C-alpha cells in the first residue's frame, strides 16, 4: 500500500478510537452546492472536516477562483481513485476500471488569500452575548451552509460555526457550550435531551436579550417536537424534564453562575 495512503487511513482509524468520527461524518454530510467538495466521497469530506475546514481545494482549484495558498501552508490529503481505460473483452469496447488509490494534496480556505468567495458575503452581526463565548475561549465564525443546517458547536475545536446571521442559531450553539460546562461534558452526537435544552435556552435568550425582530418560536416548537417524538413523549413533557438543566444553562450564560452538578 502507498505510504501516504496508509498514513491517511491510519489517521482515520485513530479518529475512530478517539470517538471523533461520528461527529465529523455528520458535519461532512452538508457541503454547500457550489464548491468542489460537493462531489467528493463522504470519506474525503470527513477528512476535510477533520482537517479543520468546510472548504478544501487543490492548489490549481484555488488559482481558478483567484485565491492563492499562503506561504508555509501545509496540505492535508484525500484519497484519489486511479481510473484507467481497459478493454472489455466480452463487449469489445473500452471501459473505466478502478486500479487503485493515491493521495491528493488539499489546502484549506483558511490557508488561502485573494478574491472573496461568494459565501464569504455572509456577515455575522454584532451578536448579543458573544462576549460570553469569547470569555470561554470559544471562537465564533461564519461558514458556508446549504439550508439543511445552520451551525454547530465543536467542543474539540472550541468554536461556534454559523451558516446564518440569525441570533437564535448562535444562542442554540452557545447553549450547547454552556450545557457542556454545567454537566462537565456532554454525550456525543445529537442527544434528544441536550438538543431540547439548547433550543429551549435559545428561545428564552431570544426573548431576553435578542435584537432581531423575527419570531422563531414556531420553528423552535417543531425542533423540540421532533426530538420529543424520538423519546415518545410530548414536547410539553420533554420541556418539563429539562427545565432544571435549562435554568442552569441560562444562569451560566447570563450571570456566569455554573450551577454545576456535584
Protein backbone atom coordinates (compact mmCIF):
# COMPACT_ATOMS: atom_id res chain seq x y z
CA UNK A 1 0.00 0.00 0.00
CA UNK A 2 1.20 3.50 -0.85
CA UNK A 3 2.79 5.06 2.25
CA UNK A 4 0.78 8.26 2.04
CA UNK A 5 -2.48 6.32 1.58
CA UNK A 6 -1.62 4.18 4.60
CA UNK A 7 -0.97 7.35 6.63
CA UNK A 8 -4.36 8.80 5.68
CA UNK A 9 -6.19 5.59 6.58
CA UNK A 10 -4.30 5.28 9.88
CA UNK A 11 -5.37 8.82 10.75
CA UNK A 12 -9.00 7.84 10.20
CA UNK A 13 -8.64 4.80 12.46
CA UNK A 14 -7.12 6.99 15.17
CA UNK A 15 -10.15 9.26 14.96
CA UNK A 16 -12.46 6.28 15.39
CA UNK A 17 -10.58 5.36 18.58
CA UNK A 18 -10.90 8.90 19.94
CA UNK A 19 -14.64 9.00 19.16
CA UNK A 20 -14.43 11.97 16.76
CA UNK A 21 -15.60 10.21 13.60
CA UNK A 22 -19.40 10.21 14.18
CA UNK A 23 -19.47 14.00 14.60
CA UNK A 24 -17.11 14.51 11.65
CA UNK A 25 -19.30 12.31 9.43
CA UNK A 26 -22.42 14.20 10.50
CA UNK A 27 -20.96 17.61 9.62
CA UNK A 28 -19.42 16.26 6.43
CA UNK A 29 -22.88 15.45 5.07
CA UNK A 30 -23.59 19.13 4.45
CA UNK A 31 -21.21 20.75 1.93
CA UNK A 32 -22.70 23.71 0.06
CA UNK A 33 -23.75 23.05 -3.54
CA UNK A 34 -21.21 25.18 -5.39
CA UNK A 35 -17.81 24.08 -4.06
CA UNK A 36 -15.68 21.21 -5.37
CA UNK A 37 -16.08 19.05 -2.25
CA UNK A 38 -19.74 18.58 -3.08
CA UNK A 39 -18.63 15.86 -5.50
CA UNK A 40 -16.20 14.19 -3.09
CA UNK A 41 -16.87 10.93 -1.33
CA UNK A 42 -18.14 11.03 2.23
CA UNK A 43 -14.75 9.72 3.35
CA UNK A 44 -12.93 12.64 1.73
CA UNK A 45 -15.41 15.19 3.08
CA UNK A 46 -14.85 13.69 6.53
CA UNK A 47 -11.10 14.09 6.08
CA UNK A 48 -11.73 17.72 5.13
CA UNK A 49 -13.72 18.38 8.31
CA UNK A 50 -11.08 16.65 10.42
CA UNK A 51 -8.52 18.99 8.84
CA UNK A 52 -10.49 21.90 10.30
CA UNK A 53 -12.24 23.39 7.30
CA UNK A 54 -15.52 23.36 5.37
CA UNK A 55 -13.85 24.19 2.07
CA UNK A 56 -10.74 22.42 0.82
CA UNK A 57 -9.39 22.52 -2.72
CA UNK A 58 -6.29 21.65 -4.68
CA UNK A 59 -3.65 24.28 -5.44
CA UNK A 60 -4.86 24.89 -9.00
CA UNK A 61 -8.51 24.89 -7.97
CA UNK A 62 -7.77 27.82 -5.66
CA UNK A 63 -6.00 29.60 -8.52
CA UNK A 64 -9.11 29.18 -10.67
CA UNK A 65 -11.07 31.35 -8.21
CA UNK A 66 -8.18 33.82 -7.89
CA UNK A 67 -7.10 32.70 -4.44
CA UNK A 68 -3.58 31.66 -3.58
CA UNK A 69 -2.11 29.41 -0.94
CA UNK A 70 -0.23 31.32 1.75
CA UNK A 71 3.47 30.67 2.01
CA UNK A 72 4.29 27.95 4.51
CA UNK A 73 0.82 26.38 4.47
CA UNK A 74 0.72 22.60 4.68
CA UNK A 75 -1.66 20.43 2.70
CA UNK A 76 -3.86 17.68 4.07
CA UNK A 77 -4.54 14.65 1.92
CA UNK A 78 -7.61 12.96 0.49
CA UNK A 79 -7.86 9.66 -1.33
CA UNK A 80 -7.96 9.93 -5.13
CA UNK A 81 -9.08 6.96 -7.24
CA UNK A 82 -6.91 5.98 -10.19
CA UNK A 83 -9.14 5.19 -13.17
CA UNK A 84 -7.82 3.58 -16.32
CA UNK A 85 -9.40 2.60 -19.60
CA UNK A 86 -9.24 -1.15 -20.15
CA UNK A 87 -10.65 -3.31 -22.87
CA UNK A 88 -13.85 -5.20 -22.09
CA UNK A 89 -13.20 -8.47 -23.90
CA UNK A 90 -16.85 -9.52 -23.71
CA UNK A 91 -18.19 -6.33 -25.31
CA UNK A 92 -15.16 -5.49 -27.41
CA UNK A 93 -15.00 -1.90 -26.15
CA UNK A 94 -13.15 0.16 -23.57
CA UNK A 95 -14.47 0.58 -20.03
CA UNK A 96 -13.41 2.53 -16.96
CA UNK A 97 -11.72 0.44 -14.27
CA UNK A 98 -10.51 1.35 -10.79
CA UNK A 99 -6.89 0.24 -10.46
CA UNK A 100 -6.03 1.74 -7.07
CA UNK A 101 -5.84 4.85 -4.93
CA UNK A 102 -3.39 7.65 -4.45
CA UNK A 103 -3.41 10.85 -2.41
CA UNK A 104 -4.20 14.39 -3.47
CA UNK A 105 -2.88 17.40 -1.59
CA UNK A 106 -5.63 19.79 -0.46
CA UNK A 107 -5.39 23.25 1.11
CA UNK A 108 -7.95 24.77 3.47
CA UNK A 109 -9.69 28.00 2.59
CA UNK A 110 -8.24 29.36 5.83
CA UNK A 111 -4.77 28.91 4.30
CA UNK A 112 -5.52 30.98 1.21
CA UNK A 113 -5.87 34.64 0.37
CA UNK A 114 -7.14 36.58 -2.63
CA UNK A 115 -10.54 37.44 -4.09
CA UNK A 116 -13.59 36.93 -1.85
CA UNK A 117 -15.63 33.77 -2.25
CA UNK A 118 -19.39 34.01 -2.70
CA UNK A 119 -20.21 32.56 0.70
CA UNK A 120 -17.82 34.98 2.39
CA UNK A 121 -20.55 37.57 1.90
CA UNK A 122 -22.22 36.11 4.99
CA UNK A 123 -21.59 38.77 7.62
CA UNK A 124 -22.25 37.97 11.24
CA UNK A 125 -23.99 40.80 13.11
CA UNK A 126 -22.96 42.14 16.49
CA UNK A 127 -24.31 39.08 18.31
CA UNK A 128 -25.61 39.57 21.84
CA UNK A 129 -23.65 37.55 24.43
CA UNK A 130 -20.78 36.85 22.05
CA UNK A 131 -18.51 38.10 24.82
CA UNK A 132 -19.53 35.05 26.88
CA UNK A 133 -18.26 32.74 24.15
CA UNK A 134 -15.03 34.74 23.99
CA UNK A 135 -14.70 34.54 27.77
CA UNK A 136 -14.85 30.75 27.49
CA UNK A 137 -12.19 30.75 24.77
CA UNK A 138 -14.68 29.86 22.04
CA UNK A 139 -14.27 31.44 18.61
CA UNK A 140 -17.33 32.35 16.51
CA UNK A 141 -17.02 32.24 12.74
CA UNK A 142 -19.14 32.26 9.59
CA UNK A 143 -19.15 29.15 7.41
CA UNK A 144 -20.89 28.10 4.19
CA UNK A 145 -24.24 26.33 4.54
CA UNK A 146 -26.91 24.83 2.33
CA UNK A 147 -30.19 25.37 4.20
CA UNK A 148 -30.05 21.90 5.75
CA UNK A 149 -28.03 23.01 8.73
CA UNK A 150 -27.31 26.40 10.21
CA UNK A 151 -24.38 25.90 12.55
CA UNK A 152 -22.61 23.77 15.10
CA UNK A 153 -20.61 23.91 18.31
CA UNK A 154 -17.38 21.92 18.40
CA UNK A 155 -16.01 21.35 21.89
CA UNK A 156 -12.82 19.85 20.44
CA UNK A 157 -12.06 22.96 18.39
CA UNK A 158 -13.59 25.41 20.86
CA UNK A 159 -15.58 27.06 18.10
CA UNK A 160 -19.10 28.00 17.13
CA UNK A 161 -19.61 27.94 13.37
CA UNK A 162 -22.62 29.72 11.87
CA UNK A 163 -24.05 29.49 8.37
CA UNK A 164 -26.69 32.12 9.18
CA UNK A 165 -26.76 35.51 10.84
CA UNK A 166 -29.86 34.53 12.85
CA UNK A 167 -29.31 35.15 16.55
CA UNK A 168 -31.26 32.09 17.68
CA UNK A 169 -28.80 29.78 15.94
CA UNK A 170 -25.93 31.42 17.80
CA UNK A 171 -27.86 31.16 21.08
CA UNK A 172 -28.53 27.46 20.40
CA UNK A 173 -24.84 26.68 19.92
CA UNK A 174 -23.82 28.89 22.84
CA UNK A 175 -26.30 26.96 24.98
CA UNK A 176 -24.61 23.71 23.99
CA UNK A 177 -21.31 25.19 25.18
CA UNK A 178 -22.89 26.31 28.46
CA UNK A 179 -24.59 22.93 28.97
CA UNK A 180 -21.22 21.26 28.50
CA UNK A 181 -19.85 23.35 31.35
CA UNK A 182 -22.85 22.71 33.59
CA UNK A 183 -22.63 18.95 33.06
CA UNK A 184 -18.80 18.82 32.87
CA UNK A 185 -19.21 17.16 29.49
CA UNK A 186 -21.96 16.22 27.05
CA UNK A 187 -22.97 13.00 25.33
CA UNK A 188 -21.63 12.66 21.81
CA UNK A 189 -23.95 13.17 18.88
CA UNK A 190 -27.37 14.78 18.83
CA UNK A 191 -28.77 13.57 22.13
CA UNK A 192 -32.50 14.49 22.23
CA UNK A 193 -32.47 15.96 25.73
CA UNK A 194 -29.35 18.02 25.00
CA UNK A 195 -30.91 19.36 21.80
CA UNK A 196 -34.12 20.28 23.64
CA UNK A 197 -32.14 22.09 26.36
CA UNK A 198 -30.24 24.06 23.70
CA UNK A 199 -33.35 25.01 21.74
CA UNK A 200 -35.39 25.93 24.80
CA UNK A 201 -32.49 28.02 26.11
CA UNK A 202 -32.04 29.68 22.72
CA UNK A 203 -35.67 30.68 22.51
CA UNK A 204 -35.54 32.11 26.05
CA UNK A 205 -32.41 34.10 25.17
CA UNK A 206 -34.18 35.47 22.08
CA UNK A 207 -36.89 36.87 24.34
CA UNK A 208 -34.44 38.13 26.99
CA UNK A 209 -31.58 39.70 25.02
CA UNK A 210 -32.18 39.13 21.31
CA UNK A 211 -32.28 42.09 18.96
CA UNK A 212 -33.77 40.56 15.83
CA UNK A 213 -37.49 41.06 15.48
CA UNK A 214 -38.39 37.86 13.62
CA UNK A 215 -40.33 35.37 15.75
CA UNK A 216 -38.70 31.92 15.65
CA UNK A 217 -40.85 30.26 18.32
CA UNK A 218 -42.75 28.21 15.73
CA UNK A 219 -39.55 26.72 14.36
CA UNK A 220 -38.34 26.04 17.89
CA UNK A 221 -41.54 24.15 18.70
CA UNK A 222 -41.12 21.94 15.62
CA UNK A 223 -37.48 21.32 16.53
CA UNK A 224 -38.37 20.30 20.09
CA UNK A 225 -41.34 18.26 18.84
CA UNK A 226 -39.03 16.25 16.57
CA UNK A 227 -36.69 15.29 19.41
CA UNK A 228 -39.54 14.70 21.86
CA UNK A 229 -41.09 12.33 19.33
CA UNK A 230 -37.87 10.29 19.27
CA UNK A 231 -38.30 9.89 23.04
CA UNK A 232 -42.00 9.02 22.60
CA UNK A 233 -43.06 11.89 24.84
CA UNK A 234 -44.88 15.16 24.18
CA UNK A 235 -42.99 18.44 23.66
CA UNK A 236 -44.55 19.73 26.87
CA UNK A 237 -43.30 16.74 28.88
CA UNK A 238 -39.87 16.98 27.26
CA UNK A 239 -39.54 20.64 28.23
CA UNK A 240 -40.60 19.90 31.80
CA UNK A 241 -37.96 17.18 32.08
CA UNK A 242 -35.16 19.56 31.06
CA UNK A 243 -36.39 22.70 32.81
CA UNK A 244 -33.90 22.43 35.70
CA UNK A 245 -30.92 21.99 33.36
CA UNK A 246 -32.21 24.77 31.11
CA UNK A 247 -32.29 27.11 34.09
CA UNK A 248 -28.66 26.29 34.89
CA UNK A 249 -27.64 26.89 31.27
CA UNK A 250 -29.37 30.26 31.21
CA UNK A 251 -27.89 31.29 34.55
CA UNK A 252 -24.41 30.43 33.33
CA UNK A 253 -24.82 32.39 30.10
CA UNK A 254 -26.46 35.41 31.69
CA UNK A 255 -24.64 35.62 35.05
CA UNK A 256 -21.64 33.32 34.89
CA UNK A 257 -23.03 31.07 37.64
CA UNK A 258 -22.14 27.48 36.72
CA UNK A 259 -24.57 25.64 38.97
CA UNK A 260 -22.53 22.55 38.10
CA UNK A 261 -23.77 19.20 39.30
CA UNK A 262 -21.69 17.59 42.04
